[in-house]
Amino acid sequence: MFDYDGNQVGTVSDVRDGTAHVDTSDGDSGILDDLTDALRWDDDYETHELRNDDVDTVDDDGVHLRQF
């Protein structure tokens, strides 16, 4: 998964009932701090549900988040 600027911020680890679950353990912590706040994710967890309205595009490279 990539932020709007193309930085890798996580990996879709699972999709359940049409909802992507993102593992952020491999993401850049500096970028993730702001992104976690914007997405209203709990810092205590490394896996988060990704809401459809937070996604800009999905292509062969991965999931790209909208600009926050």
PDB file of N, CA and C in Angstrom:
ATOM      1  N   MET A   1       0.840  -1.147   0.000  1.00  0.00           N
ATOM      2  CA  MET A   1       0.000   0.000   0.000  1.00  0.00           C
ATOM      3  C   MET A   1       0.896   1.224   0.000  1.00  0.00           C
ATOM      4  N   PHE A   2       0.451   2.258  -0.720  1.00  0.00           N
ATOM      5  CA  PHE A   2       1.242   3.470  -0.884  1.00  0.00           C
ATOM      6  C   PHE A   2       0.427   4.697  -0.488  1.00  0.00           C
ATOM      7  N   ASP A   3       1.114   5.681   0.077  1.00  0.00           N
ATOM      8  CA  ASP A   3       0.425   6.938   0.348  1.00  0.00           C
ATOM      9  C   ASP A   3       0.290   7.705  -0.964  1.00  0.00           C
ATOM     10  N   TYR A   4      -0.309   8.880  -0.913  1.00  0.00           N
ATOM     11  CA  TYR A   4      -0.581   9.661  -2.117  1.00  0.00           C
ATOM     12  C   TYR A   4       0.701  10.043  -2.854  1.00  0.00           C
ATOM     13  N   ASP A   5       1.803  10.170  -2.116  1.00  0.00           N
ATOM     14  CA  ASP A   5       3.083  10.558  -2.710  1.00  0.00           C
ATOM     15  C   ASP A   5       3.889   9.372  -3.227  1.00  0.00           C
ATOM     16  N   GLY A   6       3.360   8.154  -3.095  1.00  0.00           N
ATOM     17  CA  GLY A   6       4.043   6.972  -3.604  1.00  0.00           C
ATOM     18  C   GLY A   6       4.949   6.277  -2.615  1.00  0.00           C
ATOM     19  N   ASN A   7       4.955   6.690  -1.357  1.00  0.00           N
ATOM     20  CA  ASN A   7       5.761   6.040  -0.324  1.00  0.00           C
ATOM     21  C   ASN A   7       5.056   4.775   0.157  1.00  0.00           C
ATOM     22  N   GLN A   8       5.797   3.674   0.253  1.00  0.00           N
ATOM     23  CA  GLN A   8       5.184   2.449   0.763  1.00  0.00           C
ATOM     24  C   GLN A   8       4.939   2.601   2.258  1.00  0.00           C
ATOM     25  N   VAL A   9       3.699   2.368   2.662  1.00  0.00           N
ATOM     26  CA  VAL A   9       3.329   2.555   4.062  1.00  0.00           C
ATOM     27  C   VAL A   9       2.778   1.287   4.693  1.00  0.00           C
ATOM     28  N   GLY A  10       2.668   0.227   3.922  1.00  0.00           N
ATOM     29  CA  GLY A  10       2.158  -1.021   4.474  1.00  0.00           C
ATOM     30  C   GLY A  10       1.908  -2.037   3.388  1.00  0.00           C
ATOM     31  N   THR A  11       1.400  -3.188   3.813  1.00  0.00           N
ATOM     32  CA  THR A  11       1.106  -4.296   2.913  1.00  0.00           C
ATOM     33  C   THR A  11      -0.283  -4.823   3.235  1.00  0.00           C
ATOM     34  N   VAL A  12      -1.096  -5.016   2.189  1.00  0.00           N
ATOM     35  CA  VAL A  12      -2.404  -5.634   2.409  1.00  0.00           C
ATOM     36  C   VAL A  12      -2.139  -7.088   2.767  1.00  0.00           C
ATOM     37  N   SER A  13      -2.452  -7.446   3.996  1.00  0.00           N
ATOM     38  CA  SER A  13      -2.148  -8.788   4.493  1.00  0.00           C
ATOM     39  C   SER A  13      -3.321  -9.742   4.361  1.00  0.00           C
ATOM     40  N   ASP A  14      -4.530  -9.186   4.216  1.00  0.00           N
ATOM     41  CA  ASP A  14      -5.720 -10.036   4.159  1.00  0.00           C
ATOM     42  C   ASP A  14      -6.878  -9.201   3.634  1.00  0.00           C
ATOM     43  N   VAL A  15      -7.823  -9.871   2.989  1.00  0.00           N
ATOM     44  CA  VAL A  15      -9.075  -9.234   2.592  1.00  0.00           C
ATOM     45  C   VAL A  15     -10.193 -10.124   3.093  1.00  0.00           C
ATOM     46  N   ARG A  16     -11.039  -9.562   3.955  1.00  0.00           N
ATOM     47  CA  ARG A  16     -12.161 -10.314   4.525  1.00  0.00           C
ATOM     48  C   ARG A  16     -13.454  -9.556   4.275  1.00  0.00           C
ATOM     49  N   ASP A  17     -14.405 -10.236   3.666  1.00  0.00           N
ATOM     50  CA  ASP A  17     -15.711  -9.631   3.383  1.00  0.00           C
ATOM     51  C   ASP A  17     -15.568  -8.303   2.648  1.00  0.00           C
ATOM     52  N   GLY A  18     -14.609  -8.231   1.713  1.00  0.00           N
ATOM     53  CA  GLY A  18     -14.408  -7.038   0.912  1.00  0.00           C
ATOM     54  C   GLY A  18     -13.637  -5.925   1.591  1.00  0.00           C
ATOM     55  N   THR A  19     -13.142  -6.169   2.799  1.00  0.00           N
ATOM     56  CA  THR A  19     -12.379  -5.159   3.532  1.00  0.00           C
ATOM     57  C   THR A  19     -10.913  -5.564   3.601  1.00  0.00           C
ATOM     58  N   ALA A  20     -10.036  -4.658   3.153  1.00  0.00           N
ATOM     59  CA  ALA A  20      -8.599  -4.922   3.198  1.00  0.00           C
ATOM     60  C   ALA A  20      -8.075  -4.675   4.607  1.00  0.00           C
ATOM     61  N   HIS A  21      -7.179  -5.544   5.033  1.00  0.00           N
ATOM     62  CA  HIS A  21      -6.494  -5.392   6.320  1.00  0.00           C
ATOM     63  C   HIS A  21      -5.024  -5.150   6.003  1.00  0.00           C
ATOM     64  N   VAL A  22      -4.492  -4.073   6.541  1.00  0.00           N
ATOM     65  CA  VAL A  22      -3.163  -3.591   6.184  1.00  0.00           C
ATOM     66  C   VAL A  22      -2.195  -3.780   7.341  1.00  0.00           C
ATOM     67  N   ASP A  23      -1.050  -4.401   7.042  1.00  0.00           N
ATOM     68  CA  ASP A  23       0.042  -4.561   8.004  1.00  0.00           C
ATOM     69  C   ASP A  23       1.005  -3.400   7.784  1.00  0.00           C
ATOM     70  N   THR A  24       1.189  -2.575   8.798  1.00  0.00           N
ATOM     71  CA  THR A  24       2.044  -1.395   8.679  1.00  0.00           C
ATOM     72  C   THR A  24       3.423  -1.588   9.305  1.00  0.00           C
ATOM     73  N   SER A  25       3.751  -2.817   9.699  1.00  0.00           N
ATOM     74  CA  SER A  25       5.027  -3.042  10.383  1.00  0.00           C
ATOM     75  C   SER A  25       6.227  -2.755   9.491  1.00  0.00           C
ATOM     76  N   ASP A  26       6.047  -2.788   8.163  1.00  0.00           N
ATOM     77  CA  ASP A  26       7.166  -2.524   7.257  1.00  0.00           C
ATOM     78  C   ASP A  26       7.136  -1.105   6.694  1.00  0.00           C
ATOM     79  N   GLY A  27       6.235  -0.259   7.190  1.00  0.00           N
ATOM     80  CA  GLY A  27       6.121   1.107   6.695  1.00  0.00           C
ATOM     81  C   GLY A  27       7.086   2.056   7.380  1.00  0.00           C
ATOM     82  N   ASP A  28       7.313   3.200   6.754  1.00  0.00           N
ATOM     83  CA  ASP A  28       8.182   4.250   7.288  1.00  0.00           C
ATOM     84  C   ASP A  28       7.483   4.912   8.476  1.00  0.00           C
ATOM     85  N   SER A  29       8.086   4.821   9.658  1.00  0.00           N
ATOM     86  CA  SER A  29       7.433   5.314  10.877  1.00  0.00           C
ATOM     87  C   SER A  29       7.167   6.816  10.833  1.00  0.00           C
ATOM     88  N   GLY A  30       8.026   7.584  10.204  1.00  0.00           N
ATOM     89  CA  GLY A  30       7.811   9.027  10.110  1.00  0.00           C
ATOM     90  C   GLY A  30       6.573   9.366   9.302  1.00  0.00           C
ATOM     91  N   ILE A  31       6.384   8.664   8.211  1.00  0.00           N
ATOM     92  CA  ILE A  31       5.208   8.869   7.368  1.00  0.00           C
ATOM     93  C   ILE A  31       3.973   8.297   8.052  1.00  0.00           C
ATOM     94  N   LEU A  32       4.129   7.148   8.696  1.00  0.00           N
ATOM     95  CA  LEU A  32       2.992   6.479   9.328  1.00  0.00           C
ATOM     96  C   LEU A  32       2.380   7.280  10.468  1.00  0.00           C
ATOM     97  N   ASP A  33       3.170   8.067  11.172  1.00  0.00           N
ATOM     98  CA  ASP A  33       2.636   8.851  12.287  1.00  0.00           C
ATOM     99  C   ASP A  33       1.493   9.753  11.822  1.00  0.00           C
ATOM    100  N   ASP A  34       1.736  10.519  10.769  1.00  0.00           N
ATOM    101  CA  ASP A  34       0.705  11.417  10.246  1.00  0.00           C
ATOM    102  C   ASP A  34      -0.431  10.637   9.597  1.00  0.00           C
ATOM    103  N   LEU A  35      -0.079   9.591   8.877  1.00  0.00           N
ATOM    104  CA  LEU A  35      -1.080   8.793   8.175  1.00  0.00           C
ATOM    105  C   LEU A  35      -2.007   8.073   9.148  1.00  0.00           C
ATOM    106  N   THR A  36      -1.448   7.546  10.216  1.00  0.00           N
ATOM    107  CA  THR A  36      -2.247   6.853  11.227  1.00  0.00           C
ATOM    108  C   THR A  36      -3.288   7.798  11.826  1.00  0.00           C
ATOM    109  N   ASP A  37      -2.897   9.037  12.071  1.00  0.00           N
ATOM    110  CA  ASP A  37      -3.847  10.030  12.582  1.00  0.00           C
ATOM    111  C   ASP A  37      -4.937  10.326  11.552  1.00  0.00           C
ATOM    112  N   ALA A  38      -4.535  10.520  10.288  1.00  0.00           N
ATOM    113  CA  ALA A  38      -5.501  10.846   9.233  1.00  0.00           C
ATOM    114  C   ALA A  38      -6.501   9.714   9.008  1.00  0.00           C
ATOM    115  N   LEU A  39      -6.036   8.472   9.122  1.00  0.00           N
ATOM    116  CA  LEU A  39      -6.902   7.312   8.908  1.00  0.00           C
ATOM    117  C   LEU A  39      -7.640   6.887  10.175  1.00  0.00           C
ATOM    118  N   ARG A  40      -7.347   7.560  11.286  1.00  0.00           N
ATOM    119  CA  ARG A  40      -7.964   7.255  12.586  1.00  0.00           C
ATOM    120  C   ARG A  40      -7.687   5.806  13.003  1.00  0.00           C
ATOM    121  N   TRP A  41      -6.426   5.379  12.792  1.00  0.00           N
ATOM    122  CA  TRP A  41      -5.987   4.043  13.192  1.00  0.00           C
ATOM    123  C   TRP A  41      -5.358   4.115  14.573  1.00  0.00           C
ATOM    124  N   ASP A  42      -5.489   3.061  15.346  1.00  0.00           N
ATOM    125  CA  ASP A  42      -4.911   2.961  16.683  1.00  0.00           C
ATOM    126  C   ASP A  42      -3.426   2.610  16.561  1.00  0.00           C
ATOM    127  N   ASP A  43      -2.562   3.411  17.172  1.00  0.00           N
ATOM    128  CA  ASP A  43      -1.112   3.181  17.123  1.00  0.00           C
ATOM    129  C   ASP A  43      -0.683   1.880  17.790  1.00  0.00           C
ATOM    130  N   ASP A  44      -1.529   1.312  18.631  1.00  0.00           N
ATOM    131  CA  ASP A  44      -1.160   0.109  19.380  1.00  0.00           C
ATOM    132  C   ASP A  44      -1.162  -1.157  18.524  1.00  0.00           C
ATOM    133  N   TYR A  45      -1.689  -1.070  17.312  1.00  0.00           N
ATOM    134  CA  TYR A  45      -1.790  -2.253  16.451  1.00  0.00           C
ATOM    135  C   TYR A  45      -0.993  -2.048  15.176  1.00  0.00           C
ATOM    136  N   GLU A  46      -0.511  -3.158  14.592  1.00  0.00           N
ATOM    137  CA  GLU A  46       0.214  -3.085  13.326  1.00  0.00           C
ATOM    138  C   GLU A  46      -0.672  -3.462  12.144  1.00  0.00           C
ATOM    139  N   THR A  47      -1.866  -4.007  12.395  1.00  0.00           N
ATOM    140  CA  THR A  47      -2.792  -4.355  11.327  1.00  0.00           C
ATOM    141  C   THR A  47      -4.062  -3.532  11.497  1.00  0.00           C
ATOM    142  N   HIS A  48      -4.517  -2.948  10.381  1.00  0.00           N
ATOM    143  CA  HIS A  48      -5.645  -2.019  10.423  1.00  0.00           C
ATOM    144  C   HIS A  48      -6.601  -2.295   9.271  1.00  0.00           C
ATOM    145  N   GLU A  49      -7.880  -1.986   9.476  1.00  0.00           N
ATOM    146  CA  GLU A  49      -8.867  -2.069   8.407  1.00  0.00           C
ATOM    147  C   GLU A  49      -8.761  -0.814   7.553  1.00  0.00           C
ATOM    148  N   LEU A  50      -8.777  -1.017   6.239  1.00  0.00           N
ATOM    149  CA  LEU A  50      -8.707   0.104   5.305  1.00  0.00           C
ATOM    150  C   LEU A  50     -10.102   0.371   4.757  1.00  0.00           C
ATOM    151  N   ARG A  51     -10.598   1.575   4.954  1.00  0.00           N
ATOM    152  CA  ARG A  51     -11.921   1.957   4.454  1.00  0.00           C
ATOM    153  C   ARG A  51     -11.835   2.321   2.973  1.00  0.00           C
ATOM    154  N   ASN A  52     -12.855   1.941   2.219  1.00  0.00           N
ATOM    155  CA  ASN A  52     -12.882   2.209   0.780  1.00  0.00           C
ATOM    156  C   ASN A  52     -12.742   3.689   0.460  1.00  0.00           C
ATOM    157  N   ASP A  53     -13.316   4.560   1.276  1.00  0.00           N
ATOM    158  CA  ASP A  53     -13.259   5.991   0.980  1.00  0.00           C
ATOM    159  C   ASP A  53     -11.875   6.597   1.208  1.00  0.00           C
ATOM    160  N   ASP A  54     -10.942   5.842   1.766  1.00  0.00           N
ATOM    161  CA  ASP A  54      -9.566   6.310   1.942  1.00  0.00           C
ATOM    162  C   ASP A  54      -8.666   5.908   0.773  1.00  0.00           C
ATOM    163  N   VAL A  55      -9.209   5.131  -0.168  1.00  0.00           N
ATOM    164  CA  VAL A  55      -8.439   4.632  -1.309  1.00  0.00           C
ATOM    165  C   VAL A  55      -8.660   5.537  -2.514  1.00  0.00           C
ATOM    166  N   ASP A  56      -7.557   5.904  -3.178  1.00  0.00           N
ATOM    167  CA  ASP A  56      -7.634   6.682  -4.414  1.00  0.00           C
ATOM    168  C   ASP A  56      -7.735   5.738  -5.604  1.00  0.00           C
ATOM    169  N   THR A  57      -6.760   4.833  -5.737  1.00  0.00           N
ATOM    170  CA  THR A  57      -6.756   3.881  -6.850  1.00  0.00           C
ATOM    171  C   THR A  57      -6.173   2.545  -6.403  1.00  0.00           C
ATOM    172  N   VAL A  58      -6.478   1.523  -7.198  1.00  0.00           N
ATOM    173  CA  VAL A  58      -5.872   0.202  -7.040  1.00  0.00           C
ATOM    174  C   VAL A  58      -5.389  -0.199  -8.421  1.00  0.00           C
ATOM    175  N   ASP A  59      -4.105  -0.576  -8.527  1.00  0.00           N
ATOM    176  CA  ASP A  59      -3.561  -1.007  -9.808  1.00  0.00           C
ATOM    177  C   ASP A  59      -2.606  -2.176  -9.593  1.00  0.00           C
ATOM    178  N   ASP A  60      -1.859  -2.531 -10.630  1.00  0.00           N
ATOM    179  CA  ASP A  60      -0.939  -3.669 -10.534  1.00  0.00           C
ATOM    180  C   ASP A  60       0.148  -3.460  -9.482  1.00  0.00           C
ATOM    181  N   ASP A  61       0.480  -2.198  -9.185  1.00  0.00           N
ATOM    182  CA  ASP A  61       1.509  -1.902  -8.181  1.00  0.00           C
ATOM    183  C   ASP A  61       0.986  -2.043  -6.759  1.00  0.00           C
ATOM    184  N   GLY A  62      -0.306  -1.815  -6.565  1.00  0.00           N
ATOM    185  CA  GLY A  62      -0.873  -1.921  -5.228  1.00  0.00           C
ATOM    186  C   GLY A  62      -2.017  -0.962  -4.992  1.00  0.00           C
ATOM    187  N   VAL A  63      -2.292  -0.731  -3.731  1.00  0.00           N
ATOM    188  CA  VAL A  63      -3.351   0.174  -3.291  1.00  0.00           C
ATOM    189  C   VAL A  63      -2.718   1.537  -3.030  1.00  0.00           C
ATOM    190  N   HIS A  64      -3.342   2.571  -3.579  1.00  0.00           N
ATOM    191  CA  HIS A  64      -2.838   3.933  -3.411  1.00  0.00           C
ATOM    192  C   HIS A  64      -3.883   4.744  -2.652  1.00  0.00           C
ATOM    193  N   LEU A  65      -3.456   5.344  -1.552  1.00  0.00           N
ATOM    194  CA  LEU A  65      -4.366   6.121  -0.713  1.00  0.00           C
ATOM    195  C   LEU A  65      -4.644   7.487  -1.316  1.00  0.00           C
ATOM    196  N   ARG A  66      -5.792   8.037  -0.964  1.00  0.00           N
ATOM    197  CA  ARG A  66      -6.128   9.397  -1.395  1.00  0.00           C
ATOM    198  C   ARG A  66      -5.253  10.391  -0.635  1.00  0.00           C
ATOM    199  N   GLN A  67      -5.239  11.624  -1.094  1.00  0.00           N
ATOM    200  CA  GLN A  67      -4.461  12.660  -0.418  1.00  0.00           C
ATOM    201  C   GLN A  67      -5.207  13.122   0.825  1.00  0.00           C
ATOM    202  N   PHE A  68      -4.467  13.277   1.912  1.00  0.00           N
ATOM    203  CA  PHE A  68      -5.058  13.734   3.174  1.00  0.00           C
ATOM    204  C   PHE A  68      -4.625  15.140   3.468  1.00  0.00           C
TER     205      PHE A  68
END
